[in-house]
């Protein structure tokens, strides 16, 4: 019986490694090409139709994104086409320029990372940060800037990081900040309640403007300009034993907040910038 020499074994291992590397390179190349083609197609669609995309993703199930997208598309948001996404990485399949994508909506309800792979997660965040800086819109909810989600680039975009939470089975009371008049609050009363299931809070930069607060003063809706773009953060809603009713139903006031946020961040003919009366808002 002939036993293979060390040289034969090494050569076999090298052949297997080279074959594996070739497969990986080919797969990466194919994915890159397909992603590039997808971006080109979305850009052409936006130019031909004159309508920009709004990309919607949540960490519960795609059916919820589809339902929210349908409700928003049936509202008063002309010039926008809504697309529900299966994963956050699908964002990279679109040409992330404001003329093509009006805004991106990311509803993170339960400390969910954009990707378990750190490299992919960073790639998504950097793409979004550059997109917003160039004039894009971004709407994030609840845990998107929570410390354990590790969205450090997005924390800089939103201007804050949440680190604390309080669960509640009582409706969360929203009170309009008397020092801020803002289009995101349009059509909403000075005070209302949402069944968010949880209140999260942390630290916010001076550039962040609270639009609604809790009676105790905790920001529940914030807005910010980042570069040429605009971002909105919403407290709604936690996914504990079950998804909070504010998002799951969705409750009318949450839908209004979301619609106003899309209009402010994503429509071409944007409303006038936020007006302030009084001191700089600091959360």
Protein backbone atom coordinates (compact mmCIF):
# COMPACT_ATOMS: atom_id res chain seq x y z
CA UNK A 1 0.00 0.00 0.00
CA UNK A 2 1.45 3.32 -1.08
CA UNK A 3 1.21 6.08 1.52
CA UNK A 4 1.11 9.67 0.23
CA UNK A 5 4.14 11.77 0.98
CA UNK A 6 4.00 15.01 2.91
CA UNK A 7 4.47 16.83 -0.37
CA UNK A 8 1.43 15.03 -1.85
CA UNK A 9 -0.67 15.88 1.22
CA UNK A 10 0.43 19.52 1.11
CA UNK A 11 -0.36 19.70 -2.60
CA UNK A 12 -3.83 18.25 -2.02
CA UNK A 13 -4.57 20.70 0.77
CA UNK A 14 -3.34 23.57 -1.42
CA UNK A 15 -5.60 22.45 -4.27
CA UNK A 16 -8.61 22.38 -1.92
CA UNK A 17 -7.77 25.83 -0.56
CA UNK A 18 -7.36 27.29 -4.04
CA UNK A 19 -10.65 25.74 -5.15
CA UNK A 20 -12.45 27.13 -2.07
CA UNK A 21 -10.92 30.57 -2.60
CA UNK A 22 -11.96 30.54 -6.25
CA UNK A 23 -15.54 29.70 -5.27
CA UNK A 24 -15.61 32.51 -2.69
CA UNK A 25 -14.16 35.03 -5.14
CA UNK A 26 -16.61 33.98 -7.84
CA UNK A 27 -19.57 34.20 -5.45
CA UNK A 28 -18.45 37.63 -4.19
CA UNK A 29 -17.95 38.85 -7.75
CA UNK A 30 -21.36 37.58 -8.85
CA UNK A 31 -23.06 39.19 -5.85
CA UNK A 32 -21.24 42.46 -6.53
CA UNK A 33 -22.31 42.42 -10.18
CA UNK A 34 -25.92 41.60 -9.32
CA UNK A 35 -25.97 44.33 -6.67
CA UNK A 36 -24.58 46.82 -9.18
CA UNK A 37 -27.22 45.87 -11.74
CA UNK A 38 -29.94 46.20 -9.11
CA UNK A 39 -28.74 49.69 -8.21
CA UNK A 40 -28.74 50.68 -11.87
CA UNK A 41 -32.28 49.36 -12.36
CA UNK A 42 -33.62 51.24 -9.32
CA UNK A 43 -31.95 54.45 -10.47
CA UNK A 44 -33.47 54.12 -13.95
CA UNK A 45 -36.91 53.38 -12.45
CA UNK A 46 -36.74 56.51 -10.30
CA UNK A 47 -35.71 58.71 -13.22
CA UNK A 48 -38.30 57.27 -15.64
CA UNK A 49 -41.25 57.34 -13.21
CA UNK A 50 -40.27 60.53 -11.40
CA UNK A 51 -40.95 58.73 -8.11
CA UNK A 52 -38.50 57.93 -5.36
CA UNK A 53 -38.36 54.82 -3.23
CA UNK A 54 -39.12 54.56 0.48
CA UNK A 55 -37.49 51.43 1.90
CA UNK A 56 -39.19 49.85 4.93
CA UNK A 57 -37.75 47.14 7.19
CA UNK A 58 -38.64 45.86 10.65
CA UNK A 59 -37.16 43.12 12.81
CA UNK A 60 -40.44 41.27 13.48
CA UNK A 61 -41.67 40.00 10.13
CA UNK A 62 -41.83 41.21 6.56
CA UNK A 63 -45.63 41.13 6.53
CA UNK A 64 -45.63 44.05 8.99
CA UNK A 65 -43.34 46.08 6.72
CA UNK A 66 -45.61 45.26 3.79
CA UNK A 67 -48.70 46.35 5.72
CA UNK A 68 -47.12 49.62 6.85
CA UNK A 69 -45.84 50.30 3.34
CA UNK A 70 -49.33 49.76 1.92
CA UNK A 71 -50.94 52.04 4.49
CA UNK A 72 -48.40 54.78 3.84
CA UNK A 73 -48.66 54.42 0.07
CA UNK A 74 -52.43 54.85 0.33
CA UNK A 75 -51.95 58.05 2.34
CA UNK A 76 -51.11 61.55 1.20
CA UNK A 77 -47.53 60.97 0.08
CA UNK A 78 -47.37 61.56 -3.68
CA UNK A 79 -44.16 60.99 -5.57
CA UNK A 80 -43.04 58.07 -3.43
CA UNK A 81 -43.04 54.31 -4.03
CA UNK A 82 -42.82 52.05 -0.98
CA UNK A 83 -40.79 48.84 -0.88
CA UNK A 84 -40.68 46.37 2.02
CA UNK A 85 -37.32 44.69 2.58
CA UNK A 86 -36.52 41.16 3.71
CA UNK A 87 -33.24 42.14 5.42
CA UNK A 88 -31.35 45.39 6.14
CA UNK A 89 -28.67 44.27 3.67
CA UNK A 90 -31.25 44.65 0.90
CA UNK A 91 -30.79 48.41 1.33
CA UNK A 92 -27.50 47.99 -0.53
CA UNK A 93 -29.40 46.78 -3.62
CA UNK A 94 -30.72 50.32 -4.16
CA UNK A 95 -28.85 53.32 -5.49
CA UNK A 96 -28.57 55.23 -2.20
CA UNK A 97 -28.81 58.74 -3.57
CA UNK A 98 -31.62 61.15 -2.57
CA UNK A 99 -32.94 61.40 -6.12
CA UNK A 100 -33.58 57.65 -6.13
CA UNK A 101 -34.36 56.82 -2.48
CA UNK A 102 -36.49 59.37 -0.63
CA UNK A 103 -35.98 57.83 2.80
CA UNK A 104 -35.26 54.61 4.66
CA UNK A 105 -37.43 53.38 7.55
CA UNK A 106 -35.84 50.98 10.06
CA UNK A 107 -38.12 49.76 12.85
CA UNK A 108 -36.01 47.93 15.43
CA UNK A 109 -38.13 46.67 18.31
CA UNK A 110 -35.94 44.17 20.16
CA UNK A 111 -32.19 44.94 20.25
CA UNK A 112 -31.78 43.47 16.77
CA UNK A 113 -28.53 44.10 14.92
CA UNK A 114 -28.60 45.12 11.26
CA UNK A 115 -26.44 42.04 10.67
CA UNK A 116 -24.71 39.49 12.88
CA UNK A 117 -21.63 39.96 10.70
CA UNK A 118 -19.75 43.03 11.95
CA UNK A 119 -18.35 43.86 8.51
CA UNK A 120 -21.77 43.77 6.86
CA UNK A 121 -23.29 45.76 9.72
CA UNK A 122 -20.64 48.47 9.34
CA UNK A 123 -21.09 48.52 5.55
CA UNK A 124 -24.85 49.12 5.93
CA UNK A 125 -24.33 51.86 8.51
CA UNK A 126 -21.67 53.69 6.51
CA UNK A 127 -23.81 53.53 3.36
CA UNK A 128 -26.75 55.02 5.27
CA UNK A 129 -24.59 57.69 6.94
CA UNK A 130 -23.20 58.83 3.57
CA UNK A 131 -26.66 58.74 2.01
CA UNK A 132 -28.14 60.96 4.73
CA UNK A 133 -25.19 63.37 4.60
CA UNK A 134 -25.84 63.81 0.85
CA UNK A 135 -29.47 64.75 1.49
CA UNK A 136 -31.28 61.47 2.19
CA UNK A 137 -33.84 60.75 4.87
CA UNK A 138 -33.70 58.17 7.66
CA UNK A 139 -36.36 57.16 10.18
CA UNK A 140 -35.47 54.81 13.02
CA UNK A 141 -37.44 53.48 15.92
CA UNK A 142 -36.94 52.33 19.48
CA UNK A 143 -33.72 50.28 19.68
CA UNK A 144 -31.95 51.53 16.55
CA UNK A 145 -29.54 53.60 18.67
CA UNK A 146 -29.63 51.37 21.75
CA UNK A 147 -26.09 50.73 23.02
CA UNK A 148 -26.23 46.92 22.66
CA UNK A 149 -27.26 47.10 18.99
CA UNK A 150 -23.78 48.52 18.21
CA UNK A 151 -24.91 50.98 15.56
CA UNK A 152 -22.19 53.49 16.38
CA UNK A 153 -22.27 55.18 12.97
CA UNK A 154 -26.05 55.56 13.18
CA UNK A 155 -25.77 56.90 16.72
CA UNK A 156 -23.72 59.74 15.26
CA UNK A 157 -26.31 60.29 12.52
CA UNK A 158 -29.25 60.36 14.96
CA UNK A 159 -27.24 62.35 17.49
CA UNK A 160 -27.69 60.12 20.50
CA UNK A 161 -27.56 56.75 22.19
CA UNK A 162 -30.21 55.10 24.35
CA UNK A 163 -29.06 52.92 27.24
CA UNK A 164 -32.02 52.64 29.63
CA UNK A 165 -35.57 51.33 29.39
CA UNK A 166 -38.74 50.99 31.41
CA UNK A 167 -41.37 48.46 30.40
CA UNK A 168 -45.00 49.33 30.94
CA UNK A 169 -48.40 47.80 30.28
CA UNK A 170 -49.92 51.28 30.40
CA UNK A 171 -50.19 53.62 27.40
CA UNK A 172 -47.19 55.91 26.99
CA UNK A 173 -48.24 59.57 27.13
CA UNK A 174 -46.78 61.84 24.45
CA UNK A 175 -46.70 65.60 25.15
CA UNK A 176 -45.78 68.08 22.42
CA UNK A 177 -42.67 70.07 23.32
CA UNK A 178 -43.96 73.64 23.77
CA UNK A 179 -40.69 75.10 22.50
CA UNK A 180 -40.76 73.27 19.17
CA UNK A 181 -43.12 73.62 16.23
CA UNK A 182 -42.35 70.93 13.70
CA UNK A 183 -43.97 69.30 10.62
CA UNK A 184 -43.57 65.84 12.23
CA UNK A 185 -46.22 66.92 14.78
CA UNK A 186 -48.69 68.07 12.11
CA UNK A 187 -52.25 66.87 12.69
CA UNK A 188 -51.50 65.49 16.14
CA UNK A 189 -52.94 66.83 19.41
CA UNK A 190 -50.75 68.42 22.05
CA UNK A 191 -51.06 65.21 24.06
CA UNK A 192 -51.93 61.63 23.10
CA UNK A 193 -51.07 58.07 24.12
CA UNK A 194 -49.52 55.09 22.35
CA UNK A 195 -49.27 51.51 23.54
CA UNK A 196 -45.51 51.33 23.03
CA UNK A 197 -44.88 48.77 25.75
CA UNK A 198 -41.64 50.48 26.76
CA UNK A 199 -39.92 53.84 27.10
CA UNK A 200 -36.22 54.07 26.23
CA UNK A 201 -33.90 56.95 27.00
CA UNK A 202 -30.27 57.97 27.02
CA UNK A 203 -28.18 60.94 25.91
CA UNK A 204 -28.80 63.27 22.96
CA UNK A 205 -26.63 65.91 21.30
CA UNK A 206 -27.53 69.60 21.33
CA UNK A 207 -28.31 69.33 17.60
CA UNK A 208 -31.25 67.02 18.36
CA UNK A 209 -34.70 68.59 18.65
CA UNK A 210 -37.34 66.77 20.77
CA UNK A 211 -40.78 67.08 19.19
CA UNK A 212 -42.67 65.01 21.77
CA UNK A 213 -41.69 64.10 25.32
CA UNK A 214 -43.11 62.05 28.16
CA UNK A 215 -44.69 63.96 31.06
CA UNK A 216 -41.37 63.39 32.87
CA UNK A 217 -39.47 65.07 30.05
CA UNK A 218 -38.01 62.00 28.30
CA UNK A 219 -37.77 62.56 24.50
CA UNK A 220 -40.15 60.23 22.63
CA UNK A 221 -39.83 61.71 19.14
CA UNK A 222 -36.69 63.54 18.02
CA UNK A 223 -35.59 65.15 14.76
CA UNK A 224 -32.19 66.20 13.50
CA UNK A 225 -30.45 67.49 10.40
CA UNK A 226 -27.35 65.56 9.44
CA UNK A 227 -25.34 67.08 6.63
CA UNK A 228 -27.87 67.80 3.89
CA UNK A 229 -30.27 65.13 5.15
CA UNK A 230 -32.85 64.67 7.87
CA UNK A 231 -33.48 61.98 10.47
CA UNK A 232 -36.34 61.14 12.83
CA UNK A 233 -36.23 58.84 15.86
CA UNK A 234 -39.42 57.33 17.32
CA UNK A 235 -39.81 55.62 20.71
CA UNK A 236 -42.43 53.14 19.37
CA UNK A 237 -42.51 50.25 20.06
CA UNK A 238 -41.13 47.31 22.04
CA UNK A 239 -41.33 43.64 21.10
CA UNK A 240 -41.43 41.89 24.48
CA UNK A 241 -43.86 39.03 24.96
CA UNK A 242 -45.62 40.45 21.91
CA UNK A 243 -45.15 43.39 19.59
CA UNK A 244 -46.45 46.66 21.02
CA UNK A 245 -49.90 47.61 19.73
CA UNK A 246 -48.72 51.04 18.60
CA UNK A 247 -46.77 49.37 15.78
CA UNK A 248 -48.63 46.07 15.40
CA UNK A 249 -52.10 47.54 14.80
CA UNK A 250 -50.79 50.20 13.92
CA UNK A 251 -52.41 52.83 16.13
CA UNK A 252 -53.57 55.96 14.26
CA UNK A 253 -51.23 58.37 16.03
CA UNK A 254 -48.21 56.19 15.29
CA UNK A 255 -49.20 55.98 11.63
CA UNK A 256 -49.57 59.77 11.54
CA UNK A 257 -46.13 60.17 13.12
CA UNK A 258 -44.66 57.80 10.57
CA UNK A 259 -46.40 59.49 7.64
CA UNK A 260 -45.29 62.95 8.82
CA UNK A 261 -41.74 61.65 9.26
CA UNK A 262 -41.66 60.22 5.74
CA UNK A 263 -43.04 63.48 4.36
CA UNK A 264 -40.43 65.59 6.21
CA UNK A 265 -37.46 63.38 5.40
CA UNK A 266 -38.39 61.98 2.02
CA UNK A 267 -40.52 64.27 -0.11
CA UNK A 268 -38.90 66.41 -2.77
CA UNK A 269 -40.98 69.49 -1.95
CA UNK A 270 -40.11 69.56 1.70
CA UNK A 271 -41.93 71.65 4.29
CA UNK A 272 -40.18 74.59 5.85
CA UNK A 273 -37.52 73.72 8.44
CA UNK A 274 -38.52 73.31 12.06
CA UNK A 275 -39.36 76.49 13.86
CA UNK A 276 -38.28 77.03 17.41
CA UNK A 277 -39.50 79.34 20.09
CA UNK A 278 -37.24 79.65 23.09
CA UNK A 279 -34.01 78.01 24.10
CA UNK A 280 -32.11 75.27 22.27
CA UNK A 281 -33.64 71.89 23.01
CA UNK A 282 -31.26 69.56 24.79
CA UNK A 283 -32.21 65.98 25.68
